[in-house]
Protein backbone atom coordinates (compact mmCIF):
# COMPACT_ATOMS: atom_id res chain seq x y z
CA UNK A 1 32.75 -109.96 -7.51
CA UNK A 2 34.77 -111.82 -10.10
CA UNK A 3 33.12 -112.43 -13.46
CA UNK A 4 32.51 -115.99 -14.55
CA UNK A 5 34.99 -117.40 -16.99
CA UNK A 6 33.80 -117.46 -20.61
CA UNK A 7 32.21 -120.64 -21.81
CA UNK A 8 34.09 -122.77 -24.17
CA UNK A 9 34.06 -121.28 -27.66
CA UNK A 10 33.13 -117.74 -26.48
CA UNK A 11 35.38 -114.69 -26.87
CA UNK A 12 36.60 -113.14 -23.69
CA UNK A 13 34.73 -109.92 -22.75
CA UNK A 14 36.42 -106.56 -23.59
CA UNK A 15 37.91 -104.76 -20.63
CA UNK A 16 35.92 -101.73 -19.37
CA UNK A 17 37.15 -98.36 -20.81
CA UNK A 18 37.84 -95.60 -18.32
CA UNK A 19 35.32 -92.71 -18.34
CA UNK A 20 37.00 -89.39 -19.29
CA UNK A 21 35.19 -86.14 -18.36
CA UNK A 22 36.23 -83.18 -20.58
CA UNK A 23 35.57 -79.84 -18.95
CA UNK A 24 35.41 -76.82 -21.32
CA UNK A 25 35.55 -73.32 -19.90
CA UNK A 26 34.19 -70.52 -22.21
CA UNK A 27 35.86 -67.19 -21.51
CA UNK A 28 34.03 -64.02 -22.66
CA UNK A 29 35.87 -61.53 -24.94
CA UNK A 30 38.70 -63.89 -25.62
CA UNK A 31 41.40 -62.93 -28.15
CA UNK A 32 40.72 -59.14 -28.11
CA UNK A 33 36.97 -59.61 -27.97
CA UNK A 34 34.86 -57.80 -30.62
CA UNK A 35 36.67 -54.43 -30.56
CA UNK A 36 38.24 -55.09 -33.96
CA UNK A 37 34.77 -55.38 -35.47
CA UNK A 38 33.89 -51.86 -34.31
CA UNK A 39 37.16 -50.46 -35.69
CA UNK A 40 36.63 -52.27 -38.99
CA UNK A 41 33.06 -50.97 -39.26
CA UNK A 42 34.30 -47.39 -38.67
CA UNK A 43 36.95 -47.85 -41.35
CA UNK A 44 34.43 -49.16 -43.90
CA UNK A 45 32.06 -46.27 -43.11
CA UNK A 46 34.85 -43.72 -43.57
CA UNK A 47 35.87 -45.27 -46.89
CA UNK A 48 32.28 -45.25 -48.10
CA UNK A 49 31.98 -41.55 -47.22
CA UNK A 50 35.29 -40.83 -49.00
CA UNK A 51 34.28 -42.57 -52.23
CA UNK A 52 30.86 -40.90 -52.07
CA UNK A 53 32.60 -37.51 -51.81
CA UNK A 54 34.85 -38.36 -54.78
CA UNK A 55 31.82 -39.36 -56.81
CA UNK A 56 29.99 -36.13 -55.97
CA UNK A 57 33.00 -34.03 -56.95
CA UNK A 58 33.16 -35.79 -60.29
CA UNK A 59 29.41 -35.73 -60.97
CA UNK A 60 28.74 -32.03 -60.23
CA UNK A 61 29.54 -28.87 -62.16
CA UNK A 62 31.63 -25.96 -60.88
CA UNK A 63 28.51 -23.84 -60.30
CA UNK A 64 26.87 -26.63 -58.32
CA UNK A 65 29.95 -26.99 -56.13
CA UNK A 66 29.98 -23.25 -55.50
CA UNK A 67 26.31 -23.42 -54.54
CA UNK A 68 27.03 -26.22 -52.07
CA UNK A 69 29.91 -24.24 -50.57
CA UNK A 70 27.67 -21.19 -50.13
CA UNK A 71 24.91 -23.34 -48.59
CA UNK A 72 27.21 -24.62 -45.84
CA UNK A 73 28.78 -21.21 -45.14
CA UNK A 74 27.73 -19.95 -41.67
CA UNK A 75 25.01 -17.32 -41.83
CA UNK A 76 25.47 -13.79 -40.52
CA UNK A 77 24.02 -13.22 -37.05
CA UNK A 78 21.45 -10.44 -37.11
CA UNK A 79 22.42 -7.87 -34.49
CA UNK A 80 19.63 -7.09 -32.08
CA UNK A 81 18.39 -3.50 -32.01
CA UNK A 82 19.99 -1.25 -29.37
CA UNK A 83 22.50 -3.91 -28.50
CA UNK A 84 25.84 -3.14 -26.86
CA UNK A 85 25.91 0.61 -27.30
CA UNK A 86 24.18 0.78 -30.69
CA UNK A 87 22.23 3.84 -29.49
CA UNK A 88 25.37 5.66 -28.33
CA UNK A 89 27.74 8.02 -30.10
CA UNK A 90 27.69 7.23 -33.84
CA UNK A 91 25.88 3.99 -32.95
CA UNK A 92 29.17 2.32 -32.10
CA UNK A 93 30.10 -0.34 -29.59
CA UNK A 94 33.10 -2.00 -28.06
CA UNK A 95 34.04 -5.66 -28.11
CA UNK A 96 34.00 -5.55 -24.31
CA UNK A 97 30.46 -4.09 -24.02
CA UNK A 98 27.75 -6.32 -22.61
CA UNK A 99 25.10 -7.06 -25.21
CA UNK A 100 21.43 -7.73 -24.53
CA UNK A 101 21.22 -11.13 -26.20
CA UNK A 102 19.45 -13.85 -24.15
CA UNK A 103 22.60 -15.18 -22.44
CA UNK A 104 22.97 -16.85 -19.10
CA UNK A 105 23.11 -14.54 -16.09
CA UNK A 106 26.40 -12.68 -15.90
CA UNK A 107 27.53 -13.84 -19.34
CA UNK A 108 28.81 -11.07 -21.60
CA UNK A 109 28.06 -12.78 -24.87
CA UNK A 110 30.14 -13.13 -27.99
CA UNK A 111 30.81 -10.10 -30.19
CA UNK A 112 32.68 -11.87 -32.98
CA UNK A 113 30.71 -12.20 -36.22
CA UNK A 114 31.44 -14.31 -39.27
CA UNK A 115 30.46 -12.64 -42.54
CA UNK A 116 29.60 -15.25 -45.16
CA UNK A 117 31.79 -15.11 -48.26
CA UNK A 118 30.75 -16.14 -51.69
CA UNK A 119 32.80 -18.36 -53.96
CA UNK A 120 34.26 -15.27 -55.57
CA UNK A 121 35.56 -13.94 -52.32
CA UNK A 122 33.09 -11.12 -51.70
CA UNK A 123 30.22 -10.89 -49.19
CA UNK A 124 27.61 -13.48 -50.03
CA UNK A 125 24.42 -12.03 -51.58
CA UNK A 126 20.95 -13.48 -51.34
CA UNK A 127 20.56 -16.29 -53.87
CA UNK A 128 17.55 -14.63 -55.53
CA UNK A 129 19.42 -11.37 -56.04
CA UNK A 130 22.45 -13.17 -57.45
CA UNK A 131 20.26 -15.03 -59.93
CA UNK A 132 18.71 -11.78 -61.13
CA UNK A 133 22.19 -10.30 -61.66
CA UNK A 134 23.48 -13.37 -63.50
CA UNK A 135 20.41 -13.45 -65.75
CA UNK A 136 20.80 -9.74 -66.53
CA UNK A 137 24.53 -10.20 -67.26
CA UNK A 138 23.85 -13.01 -69.74
CA UNK A 139 21.08 -11.03 -71.41
CA UNK A 140 23.29 -7.95 -71.81
CA UNK A 141 26.12 -10.04 -73.28
CA UNK A 142 23.79 -11.70 -75.76
CA UNK A 143 22.21 -8.41 -76.88
CA UNK A 144 25.54 -6.61 -77.25
CA UNK A 145 26.95 -9.52 -79.27
CA UNK A 146 23.86 -9.57 -81.49
CA UNK A 147 24.08 -5.82 -82.16
CA UNK A 148 27.80 -6.06 -82.92
CA UNK A 149 27.11 -8.76 -85.51
CA UNK A 150 24.87 -6.30 -87.36
CA UNK A 151 27.60 -3.62 -87.39
CA UNK A 152 30.41 -5.20 -89.34
CA UNK A 153 32.54 -2.04 -89.20
CA UNK A 154 33.05 -2.33 -85.42
CA UNK A 155 32.61 -6.09 -85.03
CA UNK A 156 36.33 -6.36 -84.31
CA UNK A 157 35.80 -4.29 -81.13
CA UNK A 158 33.85 -7.05 -79.36
CA UNK A 159 36.79 -7.60 -77.01
CA UNK A 160 36.47 -3.98 -75.79
CA UNK A 161 33.13 -4.84 -74.15
CA UNK A 162 33.06 -6.60 -70.79
CA UNK A 163 30.03 -7.32 -68.59
CA UNK A 164 30.52 -8.20 -64.92
CA UNK A 165 28.39 -8.90 -61.86
CA UNK A 166 29.42 -6.71 -58.90
CA UNK A 167 28.06 -6.23 -55.38
CA UNK A 168 25.90 -3.24 -56.35
CA UNK A 169 24.58 -4.50 -59.68
CA UNK A 170 25.85 -5.33 -63.17
CA UNK A 171 28.63 -3.32 -64.81
CA UNK A 172 29.47 -2.78 -68.47
CA UNK A 173 33.11 -1.83 -69.10
CA UNK A 174 34.26 -0.21 -72.35
CA UNK A 175 38.00 -0.84 -72.35
CA UNK A 176 40.93 0.60 -74.29
CA UNK A 177 43.96 -1.41 -75.29
CA UNK A 178 47.23 -0.91 -77.15
CA UNK A 179 45.43 -0.95 -80.52
CA UNK A 180 42.33 1.10 -79.71
CA UNK A 181 41.41 4.18 -77.67
CA UNK A 182 37.89 5.49 -77.16
CA UNK A 183 39.08 9.09 -76.82
CA UNK A 184 41.57 11.21 -78.68
CA UNK A 185 44.85 11.30 -76.75
CA UNK A 186 44.60 13.42 -73.61
CA UNK A 187 41.09 14.73 -74.45
CA UNK A 188 37.43 14.02 -73.80
CA UNK A 189 36.63 13.73 -77.52
CA UNK A 190 35.14 10.38 -78.50
CA UNK A 191 36.44 8.77 -81.67
CA UNK A 192 33.74 7.69 -84.22
CA UNK A 193 34.07 3.99 -83.42
CA UNK A 194 33.61 4.72 -79.70
CA UNK A 195 30.40 6.62 -80.46
CA UNK A 196 29.08 3.54 -82.26
CA UNK A 197 30.03 1.41 -79.24
CA UNK A 198 28.08 3.76 -76.98
CA UNK A 199 25.09 3.61 -79.36
CA UNK A 200 25.05 -0.17 -78.93
CA UNK A 201 25.10 0.23 -75.14
CA UNK A 202 22.28 2.79 -75.28
CA UNK A 203 20.11 0.51 -77.43
CA UNK A 204 20.79 -2.39 -75.06
CA UNK A 205 19.90 -0.39 -71.93
CA UNK A 206 16.90 1.40 -73.42
CA UNK A 207 14.32 -1.03 -72.00
CA UNK A 208 16.26 -2.08 -68.89
CA UNK A 209 14.70 -0.74 -65.70
CA UNK A 210 17.83 0.35 -63.84
CA UNK A 211 19.50 3.58 -62.81
CA UNK A 212 23.01 4.24 -64.09
CA UNK A 213 26.34 5.36 -62.65
CA UNK A 214 29.11 6.28 -65.10
CA UNK A 215 32.74 6.20 -63.98
CA UNK A 216 35.80 7.27 -65.92
CA UNK A 217 39.24 5.67 -65.48
CA UNK A 218 42.69 6.56 -66.81
CA UNK A 219 46.09 4.91 -66.80
CA UNK A 220 48.98 6.26 -64.71
CA UNK A 221 51.10 7.72 -67.53
CA UNK A 222 52.29 11.24 -66.60
CA UNK A 223 51.31 14.34 -68.57
CA UNK A 224 53.81 16.30 -70.61
CA UNK A 225 55.48 19.22 -68.90
CA UNK A 226 53.53 22.44 -69.30
CA UNK A 227 50.15 20.76 -69.89
CA UNK A 228 47.50 22.23 -67.58
CA UNK A 229 45.49 19.03 -66.94
CA UNK A 230 45.38 16.00 -64.68
CA UNK A 231 43.89 12.53 -64.64
CA UNK A 232 41.15 13.50 -62.21
CA UNK A 233 39.61 16.10 -64.50
CA UNK A 234 40.27 13.91 -67.56
CA UNK A 235 38.49 10.85 -66.12
CA UNK A 236 35.51 12.94 -64.94
CA UNK A 237 35.31 14.70 -68.31
CA UNK A 238 35.31 11.40 -70.18
CA UNK A 239 32.54 10.05 -67.95
CA UNK A 240 30.46 13.16 -68.71
CA UNK A 241 31.18 12.87 -72.45
CA UNK A 242 29.93 9.28 -72.29
CA UNK A 243 26.74 10.38 -70.53
CA UNK A 244 26.06 12.99 -73.20
CA UNK A 245 26.66 10.44 -75.95
CA UNK A 246 24.22 8.01 -74.28
CA UNK A 247 21.57 10.74 -74.09
CA UNK A 248 22.11 11.58 -77.77
CA UNK A 249 21.61 7.88 -78.52
CA UNK A 250 18.18 7.95 -76.86
CA UNK A 251 18.88 6.99 -73.23
CA UNK A 252 16.81 9.25 -70.95
CA UNK A 253 18.75 11.84 -68.96
CA UNK A 254 16.82 10.99 -65.76
CA UNK A 255 18.42 7.54 -65.59
CA UNK A 256 21.80 8.78 -64.29
CA UNK A 257 22.43 8.96 -60.55
CA UNK A 258 26.17 9.71 -60.51
CA UNK A 259 29.02 10.73 -62.80
CA UNK A 260 32.48 9.95 -61.39
CA UNK A 261 36.11 10.32 -62.31
CA UNK A 262 38.61 8.26 -60.33
CA UNK A 263 41.77 8.91 -62.38
CA UNK A 264 44.16 5.93 -62.12
CA UNK A 265 43.11 4.92 -58.58
CA UNK A 266 41.11 1.83 -59.57
CA UNK A 267 43.25 0.06 -62.20
CA UNK A 268 41.92 -2.92 -64.08
CA UNK A 269 45.49 -4.27 -64.20
CA UNK A 270 46.84 -3.54 -60.68
CA UNK A 271 50.29 -4.95 -61.44
CA UNK A 272 50.79 -2.46 -64.29
CA UNK A 273 49.04 0.90 -63.68
CA UNK A 274 50.39 2.21 -67.00
CA UNK A 275 48.70 -0.58 -69.00
CA UNK A 276 46.34 0.96 -71.62
CA UNK A 277 43.56 -1.42 -70.52
CA UNK A 278 43.27 0.65 -67.35
CA UNK A 279 41.72 3.38 -69.52
CA UNK A 280 38.04 2.56 -69.56
CA UNK A 281 34.48 3.74 -68.98
CA UNK A 282 32.34 1.79 -66.50
CA UNK A 283 28.54 1.90 -66.72
CA UNK A 284 26.92 0.44 -63.61
CA UNK A 285 23.30 -0.77 -63.68
CA UNK A 286 21.97 -0.55 -60.14
């Protein structure tokens, strides 16, 4: 039906606008979806862990880092009694023997064992035992240093004393060098300064509840032709001379469990067996 013409003086009506329908389709996971968010979150987490590790390394001491390394070292599996031939000849077993661990039926089990290692490279000891050894080592060092300060005539020999923690206890080494020798050349006779060193050791060990092993060491220098002696007898004789000097200084004779001479077979300086520092007396507190 046609519209009526506009009255005089009226504006003509506006033409009708066409109706446009806009259809929008939403597609899920468009433009790679949300996978990038997961990858980015993993990256941020890894970076946070990295910077946390760097902070821990900078905020801890060397001893603390060694303790953490020992804590995360795998523990030694305790072997079950009478397992895999342990009651056989010399209590031995083969890697192919079937053990009696609680495995699945027909499974032979795993014979490989991982022995924990400490930060120093040796078998890891119980933390309580290690603490006792470290405390004893520090106490021995402090007492020896204090006694040396009171004896001005041998104060310069402080470098001849060395205290170490070992697997079987704490060891005191009395060490020769190019400028000092505890014994007269090629003999078991202690020089006067060495006797004073041994007196200091005896006073230090007097109230320590530990048994003692004394071991003598020599260097690898050969003997002169025609001399009826060898490093085995010399090292054993020097260990015995040290024991006698300790007894004379007041250390009870019942404290000693072993006197040993090992000649030049256990050098302190492996790269130079002839080094005078290989000549030493070791006193082990067990």
